[in-house]
Amino acid sequence: MADEWNQFVAESKNGTFLFDRRYMDYHSDRFNDYSLLFYIGNRLLAVLPAHASDDTLYSHKGLTYGGLVMSPRLTIVQTLNLFRELNELLRCDGFRHVVYKCIPWVYHRLSADEDIYALFHECRARIVARDFATNIFLSAEMRWERIRRRGVVRAQNAGVLVECSDNYAAFWDILSANLHAKYGVMPVHTLKEITLLQSRFPQNIKLYQAVKEGEVLGGVVLYVSQQVVHAQYSSATPEGKKLGVIDLLYDRIFSDYQGYPYFDFGRSTEHPDGSGLNEKLVFQKEGFGGRGLCYDIYEYDL
């Protein structure tokens, strides 16, 4: 049913390419998929990207955000009925808990908070995690802090150039080294995985690199959806940091994508429950004019 699923996601009011099965299934070996489709008669009105783990349904631990992807025709009364039937199905299948990631409102093409209302009134769900992200309204006049503007000038004066590139290997070396040195971890995606996904979604996954005399000093990987340009990865070498290449990269990116409604820098919290705010990281993002956006996770018992 992948074709029907993908066509629905493309026409939904709050879905993005992350819910396309060609994206979701790149790590299907890691999750016991339990995705659901909801119909009234023969009309598909919603889909839920999900997987099962023991007696808990997750929507979806392998994705940045998740939740019910809805048709523009889905009403609030239908959504309440949908959750009643969903919960009855899950109880019959032996589930006892649901962990539900919300799709942040900036990704909605039309208002799409019907699921939030249903989670509270039908499921008595509670918020168990709240990640803090930083967002920019690209149509608004952005006020950059002086330190960010100085970084642009410093990089330009040093002869740094920004280019779109398919050279993910060079950037992945920089990104991996930084993440390992600072946090002892590796990127969520391997180089093989990100190049596979980029080949499947060339219009949605873009790499901008800062280059000086042929050497890559930093880069930003963008996930581009209809509403939001999202910085999936951002990193620079020690020299690149000194020269301010990240500031120069975002200066170019904001110019190239000024026709989009929102830019999402992503989360600045370090722990699964949303605690551990990385103040240095969020300070950098706020320096570009970014302000707060929350990624919420709910849980309820069946």
Protein backbone atom coordinates (compact mmCIF):
# COMPACT_ATOMS: atom_id res chain seq x y z
CA MET A 1 0.00 0.00 0.00
CA ALA A 2 3.06 2.26 -0.22
CA ASP A 3 1.87 4.12 -3.33
CA GLU A 4 -1.52 4.92 -1.77
CA TRP A 5 0.22 5.99 1.46
CA ASN A 6 2.72 8.24 -0.34
CA GLN A 7 0.07 9.88 -2.49
CA PHE A 8 -2.00 10.63 0.59
CA VAL A 9 0.96 12.14 2.48
CA ALA A 10 1.75 14.39 -0.50
CA GLU A 11 -1.82 15.75 -0.51
CA SER A 12 -2.32 15.91 3.27
CA LYS A 13 -2.54 19.11 5.29
CA ASN A 14 0.34 18.34 7.65
CA GLY A 15 2.54 15.65 6.11
CA THR A 16 6.13 16.07 4.87
CA PHE A 17 8.50 13.87 2.88
CA LEU A 18 9.71 12.30 6.14
CA PHE A 19 6.46 10.31 6.13
CA ASP A 20 6.96 9.05 2.59
CA ARG A 21 7.62 5.29 2.78
CA ARG A 22 10.75 5.75 0.67
CA TYR A 23 12.13 7.84 3.54
CA MET A 24 10.62 5.98 6.50
CA ASP A 25 11.67 2.54 5.34
CA TYR A 26 15.39 3.26 5.07
CA HIS A 27 15.67 2.03 8.68
CA SER A 28 12.81 -0.48 8.61
CA ASP A 29 15.15 -3.16 9.97
CA ARG A 30 15.35 -1.27 13.28
CA PHE A 31 11.62 -1.00 13.97
CA ASN A 32 8.62 -3.31 14.10
CA ASP A 33 6.38 -1.25 11.86
CA TYR A 34 2.77 -0.78 12.97
CA SER A 35 1.70 2.06 10.68
CA LEU A 36 -2.05 2.47 10.25
CA LEU A 37 -4.42 3.84 7.62
CA PHE A 38 -7.86 5.20 8.55
CA TYR A 39 -10.82 5.09 6.17
CA ILE A 40 -14.44 6.12 6.14
CA GLY A 41 -15.93 3.87 3.50
CA ASN A 42 -13.38 3.81 0.70
CA ARG A 43 -12.03 7.28 1.48
CA LEU A 44 -8.61 7.46 3.14
CA LEU A 45 -8.69 10.32 5.68
CA ALA A 46 -5.60 9.81 7.86
CA VAL A 47 -2.44 7.74 8.28
CA LEU A 48 -0.32 7.18 11.36
CA PRO A 49 3.41 6.40 11.02
CA ALA A 50 4.05 4.07 13.97
CA HIS A 51 5.94 1.09 15.30
CA ALA A 52 5.47 -1.38 18.14
CA SER A 53 7.86 -2.12 20.98
CA ASP A 54 6.65 -4.61 23.59
CA ASP A 55 3.26 -3.30 24.77
CA THR A 56 3.80 0.30 23.56
CA LEU A 57 2.90 1.97 20.26
CA TYR A 58 5.27 4.77 19.21
CA SER A 59 4.62 7.38 16.53
CA HIS A 60 7.56 7.27 15.64
CA LYS A 61 10.92 6.98 17.45
CA GLY A 62 12.80 6.86 14.16
CA LEU A 63 11.49 10.24 12.96
CA THR A 64 12.17 13.81 14.08
CA TYR A 65 8.45 14.35 14.51
CA GLY A 66 5.40 12.12 14.03
CA GLY A 67 1.70 11.89 14.67
CA LEU A 68 -1.48 11.69 12.67
CA VAL A 69 -1.16 12.81 9.04
CA MET A 70 -4.55 14.18 8.05
CA SER A 71 -6.65 14.90 5.00
CA PRO A 72 -7.92 18.49 4.73
CA ARG A 73 -11.40 16.91 4.85
CA LEU A 74 -10.93 15.27 8.26
CA THR A 75 -13.18 16.96 10.85
CA ILE A 76 -12.74 17.18 14.61
CA VAL A 77 -15.70 14.85 15.27
CA GLN A 78 -14.21 12.29 12.89
CA THR A 79 -10.84 12.66 14.63
CA LEU A 80 -12.38 11.97 18.04
CA ASN A 81 -14.04 8.84 16.63
CA LEU A 82 -10.76 7.87 14.99
CA PHE A 83 -8.92 7.91 18.33
CA ARG A 84 -11.70 5.89 19.99
CA GLU A 85 -11.43 3.21 17.33
CA LEU A 86 -7.62 3.37 17.36
CA ASN A 87 -7.51 2.81 21.11
CA GLU A 88 -9.97 -0.09 20.89
CA LEU A 89 -7.85 -1.71 18.18
CA LEU A 90 -4.68 -1.28 20.23
CA ARG A 91 -6.28 -2.75 23.35
CA CYS A 92 -7.45 -5.77 21.35
CA ASP A 93 -3.92 -6.21 20.00
CA GLY A 94 -2.41 -6.22 23.49
CA PHE A 95 -1.01 -2.71 23.71
CA ARG A 96 -1.07 -0.89 27.03
CA HIS A 97 0.60 2.45 26.25
CA VAL A 98 0.91 4.98 23.43
CA VAL A 99 3.80 7.45 22.99
CA TYR A 100 2.78 10.11 20.50
CA LYS A 101 5.04 12.68 18.83
CA CYS A 102 3.32 15.78 17.52
CA ILE A 103 4.02 17.41 14.18
CA PRO A 104 5.09 21.00 15.06
CA TRP A 105 2.64 23.57 13.77
CA VAL A 106 5.12 25.24 11.41
CA TYR A 107 4.95 22.11 9.22
CA HIS A 108 1.16 22.39 8.82
CA ARG A 109 -0.06 23.62 5.44
CA LEU A 110 -3.51 24.06 6.99
CA SER A 111 -4.50 24.15 10.66
CA ALA A 112 -4.07 20.60 11.97
CA ASP A 113 -4.41 20.44 15.76
CA GLU A 114 -7.39 18.07 15.78
CA ASP A 115 -5.16 15.31 17.11
CA ILE A 116 -3.97 17.51 20.01
CA TYR A 117 -7.57 18.10 21.08
CA ALA A 118 -8.35 14.39 20.79
CA LEU A 119 -5.25 13.42 22.79
CA PHE A 120 -6.48 15.53 25.71
CA HIS A 121 -10.24 14.97 25.62
CA GLU A 122 -10.38 11.39 24.37
CA CYS A 123 -7.13 9.90 25.65
CA ARG A 124 -6.28 12.07 28.69
CA ALA A 125 -2.73 12.14 27.41
CA ARG A 126 0.06 13.89 29.31
CA ILE A 127 3.15 15.64 27.99
CA VAL A 128 6.20 13.54 28.88
CA ALA A 129 8.82 15.41 26.83
CA ARG A 130 9.18 18.87 25.36
CA ASP A 131 12.18 19.68 23.17
CA PHE A 132 13.12 23.30 22.55
CA ALA A 133 13.88 24.27 18.96
CA THR A 134 14.56 27.64 17.32
CA ASN A 135 12.54 28.96 14.42
CA ILE A 136 12.62 31.96 12.07
CA PHE A 137 9.77 33.55 10.12
CA LEU A 138 11.62 34.07 6.85
CA SER A 139 9.12 36.67 5.64
CA ALA A 140 9.79 38.85 8.67
CA GLU A 141 12.73 41.24 8.95
CA MET A 142 15.42 39.30 10.77
CA ARG A 143 17.68 41.16 13.14
CA TRP A 144 21.07 39.52 13.42
CA GLU A 145 23.27 40.04 16.44
CA ARG A 146 26.52 41.87 15.76
CA ILE A 147 28.62 38.75 16.42
CA ARG A 148 26.82 36.89 13.61
CA ARG A 149 27.26 39.78 11.14
CA ARG A 150 30.96 39.99 11.99
CA GLY A 151 31.29 36.28 11.24
CA VAL A 152 29.94 36.80 7.72
CA VAL A 153 32.41 39.61 7.02
CA ARG A 154 35.33 37.64 8.48
CA ALA A 155 34.58 34.61 6.31
CA GLN A 156 34.15 36.74 3.19
CA ASN A 157 37.41 38.58 3.82
CA ALA A 158 39.19 35.23 4.20
CA GLY A 159 38.03 34.19 0.74
CA VAL A 160 35.52 31.55 1.86
CA LEU A 161 32.94 30.59 -0.76
CA VAL A 162 29.56 28.90 -0.28
CA GLU A 163 28.38 26.30 -2.76
CA CYS A 164 25.72 23.64 -3.11
CA SER A 165 27.39 20.25 -3.22
CA ASP A 166 26.88 16.51 -3.42
CA ASN A 167 30.17 15.89 -1.59
CA TYR A 168 28.59 14.47 1.53
CA ALA A 169 31.70 12.44 2.40
CA ALA A 170 33.82 15.51 3.16
CA PHE A 171 31.14 17.08 5.32
CA TRP A 172 30.39 13.80 7.11
CA ASP A 173 34.04 13.58 8.19
CA ILE A 174 33.74 17.03 9.80
CA LEU A 175 30.36 16.31 11.36
CA SER A 176 31.38 12.92 12.74
CA ALA A 177 34.60 14.25 14.24
CA ASN A 178 32.79 17.09 16.02
CA LEU A 179 29.97 14.91 17.39
CA HIS A 180 32.39 12.25 18.60
CA ALA A 181 34.71 14.78 20.27
CA LYS A 182 31.89 16.70 21.98
CA TYR A 183 29.27 14.06 22.79
CA GLY A 184 30.88 10.69 22.07
CA VAL A 185 28.25 9.92 19.41
CA MET A 186 27.97 9.68 15.64
CA PRO A 187 25.42 11.29 13.30
CA VAL A 188 21.94 9.73 13.34
CA HIS A 189 22.40 8.88 9.65
CA THR A 190 25.44 7.10 8.32
CA LEU A 191 27.08 8.48 5.17
CA LYS A 192 25.56 5.61 3.21
CA GLU A 193 22.08 6.37 4.56
CA ILE A 194 22.15 10.12 3.91
CA THR A 195 23.41 9.64 0.35
CA LEU A 196 20.68 7.05 -0.26
CA LEU A 197 18.00 9.40 1.06
CA GLN A 198 19.37 12.32 -0.94
CA SER A 199 19.23 10.22 -4.10
CA ARG A 200 15.56 9.47 -3.37
CA PHE A 201 14.68 13.06 -2.44
CA PRO A 202 17.05 15.33 -4.38
CA GLN A 203 14.69 18.31 -4.15
CA ASN A 204 14.21 17.93 -0.40
CA ILE A 205 17.70 17.16 0.91
CA LYS A 206 20.40 19.73 0.13
CA LEU A 207 24.00 20.28 1.25
CA TYR A 208 25.58 23.74 1.45
CA GLN A 209 29.35 23.80 1.99
CA ALA A 210 31.83 26.53 2.90
CA VAL A 211 35.04 26.09 0.91
CA LYS A 212 38.40 27.89 0.98
CA GLU A 213 41.02 27.07 -1.63
CA GLY A 214 39.40 23.72 -2.30
CA GLU A 215 39.15 22.69 1.37
CA VAL A 216 35.73 22.12 2.95
CA LEU A 217 35.57 24.08 6.22
CA GLY A 218 31.94 23.48 7.15
CA GLY A 219 28.47 22.73 5.93
CA VAL A 220 24.73 22.58 6.56
CA VAL A 221 22.41 19.77 5.44
CA LEU A 222 18.90 21.05 4.79
CA TYR A 223 15.61 19.16 4.82
CA VAL A 224 13.27 21.21 2.62
CA SER A 225 9.52 20.64 2.95
CA GLN A 226 6.68 22.73 1.58
CA GLN A 227 6.45 24.97 4.64
CA VAL A 228 9.81 24.67 6.36
CA VAL A 229 13.52 24.69 5.59
CA HIS A 230 15.07 22.65 8.39
CA ALA A 231 18.75 22.49 9.34
CA GLN A 232 19.21 18.75 9.84
CA TYR A 233 22.98 18.95 10.37
CA SER A 234 25.40 21.85 10.80
CA SER A 235 29.12 21.65 11.54
CA ALA A 236 32.51 23.24 10.87
CA THR A 237 36.20 22.50 11.30
CA PRO A 238 38.21 24.38 13.97
CA GLU A 239 39.49 26.75 11.27
CA GLY A 240 35.99 27.14 9.88
CA LYS A 241 34.69 28.13 13.31
CA LYS A 242 37.40 30.77 13.67
CA LEU A 243 36.54 32.21 10.25
CA GLY A 244 32.78 32.30 10.90
CA VAL A 245 31.81 29.96 8.05
CA ILE A 246 28.52 28.92 9.71
CA ASP A 247 27.43 32.58 9.70
CA LEU A 248 28.30 32.84 6.01
CA LEU A 249 26.45 29.61 5.22
CA TYR A 250 23.24 30.77 6.87
CA ASP A 251 23.50 34.16 5.19
CA ARG A 252 23.45 32.38 1.82
CA ILE A 253 20.76 29.88 2.83
CA PHE A 254 18.36 32.55 4.10
CA SER A 255 18.81 34.42 0.83
CA ASP A 256 18.16 31.33 -1.28
CA TYR A 257 15.04 30.27 0.66
CA GLN A 258 13.44 33.62 1.49
CA GLY A 259 10.27 32.54 -0.35
CA TYR A 260 9.56 29.85 2.27
CA PRO A 261 7.48 30.63 5.38
CA TYR A 262 9.79 29.20 8.08
CA PHE A 263 13.33 28.13 8.85
CA ASP A 264 13.77 25.61 11.65
CA PHE A 265 17.23 25.33 13.23
CA GLY A 266 16.14 22.22 15.10
CA ARG A 267 16.41 21.30 18.73
CA SER A 268 18.92 22.57 21.28
CA THR A 269 18.06 20.14 24.08
CA GLU A 270 20.35 17.22 24.84
CA HIS A 271 18.23 14.63 26.68
CA PRO A 272 15.23 12.53 25.54
CA ASP A 273 12.81 14.37 27.84
CA GLY A 274 13.82 17.77 26.48
CA SER A 275 15.96 18.79 29.45
CA GLY A 276 19.58 19.89 29.21
CA LEU A 277 19.27 23.08 27.18
CA ASN A 278 22.50 23.72 25.27
CA GLU A 279 22.77 27.43 26.00
CA LYS A 280 25.74 28.07 23.69
CA LEU A 281 23.95 26.42 20.78
CA VAL A 282 20.68 28.25 21.31
CA PHE A 283 22.58 31.54 21.73
CA GLN A 284 24.06 31.04 18.26
CA LYS A 285 20.63 30.35 16.75
CA GLU A 286 19.01 33.31 18.49
CA GLY A 287 21.80 35.45 17.07
CA PHE A 288 20.26 34.93 13.62
CA GLY A 289 16.88 36.15 14.89
CA GLY A 290 15.49 32.74 15.83
CA ARG A 291 12.99 32.26 18.64
CA GLY A 292 11.31 29.35 20.39
CA LEU A 293 9.44 26.37 18.93
CA CYS A 294 8.51 23.31 21.00
CA TYR A 295 8.48 19.68 19.88
CA ASP A 296 6.07 17.85 22.22
CA ILE A 297 5.71 14.16 23.01
CA TYR A 298 2.58 12.81 24.70
CA GLU A 299 1.91 9.52 26.45
CA TYR A 300 -1.28 7.81 27.56
CA ASP A 301 -2.38 4.45 28.89
CA LEU A 302 -4.95 2.27 27.21
